[in-house]
Amino acid sequence: MIVKLKKKLAEEYKDLTGGQNYVVFGIEADEFRVLNDHGRPYLYPPRIFEMTDPHEPSEWISETGEDGERYAYPPQLNSVGFFEDYFDSRADAVKTFWQVVNQQLAVAAEAA
């Protein structure tokens, strides 16, 4: 899935670039996880993006929370506490995350 930050929101979201494409690496509580311009995998509301390519990888595990919110991640990133471990710099989580990101970026580049 590829999204583009709406240009009119570039001033509000300074860690993203207006009009730039971003690969979505997961969906958490309906928000998109993308690598921002600092290379950090943060969550952003879908309303700030235009959809460039709506295709979600078929291997993503998709779940619905108690309040109807959606969660979808590649299997390797789909464990409770994964991103807490990543942001705590646990070596195994960091390694796994970048392996998945590199795979998804390669697929997105081939599709472009």
C-alpha atoms as a PDB file:
ATOM      1  CA  MET A   1       0.000   0.000   0.000  1.00  0.00           C
ATOM      2  CA  ILE A   2       1.378   3.393  -0.958  1.00  0.00           C
ATOM      3  CA  VAL A   3       0.058   6.766   0.167  1.00  0.00           C
ATOM      4  CA  LYS A   4       0.992  10.399  -0.503  1.00  0.00           C
ATOM      5  CA  LEU A   5       0.847  13.191   2.060  1.00  0.00           C
ATOM      6  CA  LYS A   6      -1.642  15.848   1.000  1.00  0.00           C
ATOM      7  CA  LYS A   7       0.392  18.937   0.138  1.00  0.00           C
ATOM      8  CA  LYS A   8      -1.846  21.262   2.124  1.00  0.00           C
ATOM      9  CA  LEU A   9      -0.914  19.359   5.321  1.00  0.00           C
ATOM     10  CA  ALA A  10       2.868  19.587   4.880  1.00  0.00           C
ATOM     11  CA  GLU A  11       3.171  22.450   7.376  1.00  0.00           C
ATOM     12  CA  GLU A  12       1.227  20.532  10.019  1.00  0.00           C
ATOM     13  CA  TYR A  13       3.222  17.296   9.616  1.00  0.00           C
ATOM     14  CA  LYS A  14       6.810  18.519   9.499  1.00  0.00           C
ATOM     15  CA  ASP A  15       8.296  15.018   9.634  1.00  0.00           C
ATOM     16  CA  LEU A  16       6.617  14.180   6.294  1.00  0.00           C
ATOM     17  CA  THR A  17       6.948  15.819   2.871  1.00  0.00           C
ATOM     18  CA  GLY A  18       3.867  17.023   0.995  1.00  0.00           C
ATOM     19  CA  GLY A  19       3.334  15.144  -2.247  1.00  0.00           C
ATOM     20  CA  GLN A  20       5.858  12.429  -1.393  1.00  0.00           C
ATOM     21  CA  ASN A  21       4.907   8.746  -1.593  1.00  0.00           C
ATOM     22  CA  TYR A  22       5.182   6.616   1.538  1.00  0.00           C
ATOM     23  CA  VAL A  23       4.908   2.836   1.798  1.00  0.00           C
ATOM     24  CA  VAL A  24       2.496   1.721   4.523  1.00  0.00           C
ATOM     25  CA  PHE A  25       4.118  -1.007   6.628  1.00  0.00           C
ATOM     26  CA  GLY A  26       1.089  -1.708   8.767  1.00  0.00           C
ATOM     27  CA  ILE A  27      -2.203  -0.460  10.126  1.00  0.00           C
ATOM     28  CA  GLU A  28      -2.706   0.002  13.847  1.00  0.00           C
ATOM     29  CA  ALA A  29      -6.015   1.161  15.320  1.00  0.00           C
ATOM     30  CA  ASP A  30      -6.910   2.401  11.804  1.00  0.00           C
ATOM     31  CA  GLU A  31      -3.741   4.527  11.527  1.00  0.00           C
ATOM     32  CA  PHE A  32      -1.043   3.959   8.913  1.00  0.00           C
ATOM     33  CA  ARG A  33       2.486   3.095  10.003  1.00  0.00           C
ATOM     34  CA  VAL A  34       4.965   4.684   7.593  1.00  0.00           C
ATOM     35  CA  LEU A  35       8.625   5.635   7.716  1.00  0.00           C
ATOM     36  CA  ASN A  36       8.721   9.390   8.172  1.00  0.00           C
ATOM     37  CA  ASP A  37      11.441  11.603   6.699  1.00  0.00           C
ATOM     38  CA  HIS A  38      13.662  10.800   9.691  1.00  0.00           C
ATOM     39  CA  GLY A  39      13.426   7.055   9.045  1.00  0.00           C
ATOM     40  CA  ARG A  40      11.180   6.417  12.056  1.00  0.00           C
ATOM     41  CA  PRO A  41       8.129   4.114  11.767  1.00  0.00           C
ATOM     42  CA  TYR A  42       5.377   6.285  13.204  1.00  0.00           C
ATOM     43  CA  LEU A  43       1.592   6.136  13.036  1.00  0.00           C
ATOM     44  CA  TYR A  44      -0.383   8.739  11.114  1.00  0.00           C
ATOM     45  CA  PRO A  45      -4.120   9.205  10.481  1.00  0.00           C
ATOM     46  CA  PRO A  46      -5.219   8.021   7.021  1.00  0.00           C
ATOM     47  CA  ARG A  47      -7.083  11.310   6.397  1.00  0.00           C
ATOM     48  CA  ILE A  48      -3.779  13.144   5.815  1.00  0.00           C
ATOM     49  CA  PHE A  49      -2.920  10.964   2.825  1.00  0.00           C
ATOM     50  CA  GLU A  50      -4.125  10.376  -0.692  1.00  0.00           C
ATOM     51  CA  MET A  51      -4.109   6.712  -1.708  1.00  0.00           C
ATOM     52  CA  THR A  52      -1.589   6.056  -4.487  1.00  0.00           C
ATOM     53  CA  ASP A  53      -1.741   2.246  -4.456  1.00  0.00           C
ATOM     54  CA  PRO A  54      -4.384   0.581  -2.233  1.00  0.00           C
ATOM     55  CA  HIS A  55      -2.951  -2.935  -2.625  1.00  0.00           C
ATOM     56  CA  GLU A  56      -2.169  -4.533   0.723  1.00  0.00           C
ATOM     57  CA  PRO A  57       0.254  -7.447   0.747  1.00  0.00           C
ATOM     58  CA  SER A  58      -1.671 -10.718   0.885  1.00  0.00           C
ATOM     59  CA  GLU A  59       0.469 -12.040   3.729  1.00  0.00           C
ATOM     60  CA  TRP A  60      -0.616  -9.310   6.159  1.00  0.00           C
ATOM     61  CA  ILE A  61      -2.554 -10.540   9.156  1.00  0.00           C
ATOM     62  CA  SER A  62      -5.674  -8.416   9.559  1.00  0.00           C
ATOM     63  CA  GLU A  63      -7.687  -8.197  12.774  1.00  0.00           C
ATOM     64  CA  THR A  64     -10.486  -6.036  14.146  1.00  0.00           C
ATOM     65  CA  GLY A  65     -10.360  -4.639  17.671  1.00  0.00           C
ATOM     66  CA  GLU A  66     -13.151  -4.421  20.223  1.00  0.00           C
ATOM     67  CA  ASP A  67     -14.280  -1.022  18.933  1.00  0.00           C
ATOM     68  CA  GLY A  68     -14.118  -2.000  15.255  1.00  0.00           C
ATOM     69  CA  GLU A  69     -10.655  -0.526  14.689  1.00  0.00           C
ATOM     70  CA  ARG A  70      -8.424  -2.320  12.218  1.00  0.00           C
ATOM     71  CA  TYR A  71      -4.987  -3.827  12.741  1.00  0.00           C
ATOM     72  CA  ALA A  72      -2.959  -5.289   9.865  1.00  0.00           C
ATOM     73  CA  TYR A  73       0.720  -6.155   9.786  1.00  0.00           C
ATOM     74  CA  PRO A  74       3.093  -8.556   8.105  1.00  0.00           C
ATOM     75  CA  PRO A  75       3.349 -11.718  10.238  1.00  0.00           C
ATOM     76  CA  GLN A  76       6.859 -10.834  11.438  1.00  0.00           C
ATOM     77  CA  LEU A  77       5.630  -7.515  12.913  1.00  0.00           C
ATOM     78  CA  ASN A  78       2.292  -8.790  14.194  1.00  0.00           C
ATOM     79  CA  SER A  79       3.079  -9.569  17.811  1.00  0.00           C
ATOM     80  CA  VAL A  80       1.953  -7.705  20.900  1.00  0.00           C
ATOM     81  CA  GLY A  81       4.718  -5.369  22.004  1.00  0.00           C
ATOM     82  CA  PHE A  82       6.736  -5.609  18.792  1.00  0.00           C
ATOM     83  CA  PHE A  83       7.018  -1.852  18.272  1.00  0.00           C
ATOM     84  CA  GLU A  84       7.684  -1.237  21.955  1.00  0.00           C
ATOM     85  CA  ASP A  85      10.653  -3.606  21.560  1.00  0.00           C
ATOM     86  CA  TYR A  86      11.676  -1.804  18.366  1.00  0.00           C
ATOM     87  CA  PHE A  87      11.599   1.629  20.013  1.00  0.00           C
ATOM     88  CA  ASP A  88      13.463   0.183  23.020  1.00  0.00           C
ATOM     89  CA  SER A  89      16.185  -0.774  20.496  1.00  0.00           C
ATOM     90  CA  ARG A  90      15.974  -4.508  21.124  1.00  0.00           C
ATOM     91  CA  ALA A  91      18.315  -5.951  18.515  1.00  0.00           C
ATOM     92  CA  ASP A  92      15.995  -8.761  17.398  1.00  0.00           C
ATOM     93  CA  ALA A  93      13.053  -6.386  16.828  1.00  0.00           C
ATOM     94  CA  VAL A  94      15.202  -3.823  15.010  1.00  0.00           C
ATOM     95  CA  LYS A  95      16.675  -6.498  12.746  1.00  0.00           C
ATOM     96  CA  THR A  96      13.271  -8.020  11.983  1.00  0.00           C
ATOM     97  CA  PHE A  97      11.710  -4.628  11.282  1.00  0.00           C
ATOM     98  CA  TRP A  98      14.379  -3.591   8.784  1.00  0.00           C
ATOM     99  CA  GLN A  99      14.269  -6.952   7.025  1.00  0.00           C
ATOM    100  CA  VAL A 100      10.506  -6.553   6.499  1.00  0.00           C
ATOM    101  CA  VAL A 101      10.839  -2.894   5.478  1.00  0.00           C
ATOM    102  CA  ASN A 102      13.539  -3.681   2.929  1.00  0.00           C
ATOM    103  CA  GLN A 103      11.415  -6.471   1.445  1.00  0.00           C
ATOM    104  CA  GLN A 104       8.354  -4.226   1.167  1.00  0.00           C
ATOM    105  CA  LEU A 105      10.359  -1.351  -0.307  1.00  0.00           C
ATOM    106  CA  ALA A 106      11.810  -3.692  -2.929  1.00  0.00           C
ATOM    107  CA  VAL A 107       8.322  -4.889  -3.885  1.00  0.00           C
ATOM    108  CA  ALA A 108       7.046  -1.287  -4.047  1.00  0.00           C
ATOM    109  CA  ALA A 109       9.984  -0.288  -6.265  1.00  0.00           C
ATOM    110  CA  GLU A 110       9.270  -3.164  -8.656  1.00  0.00           C
ATOM    111  CA  ALA A 111       5.613  -2.125  -8.890  1.00  0.00           C
ATOM    112  CA  ALA A 112       6.475   1.510  -9.658  1.00  0.00           C
END
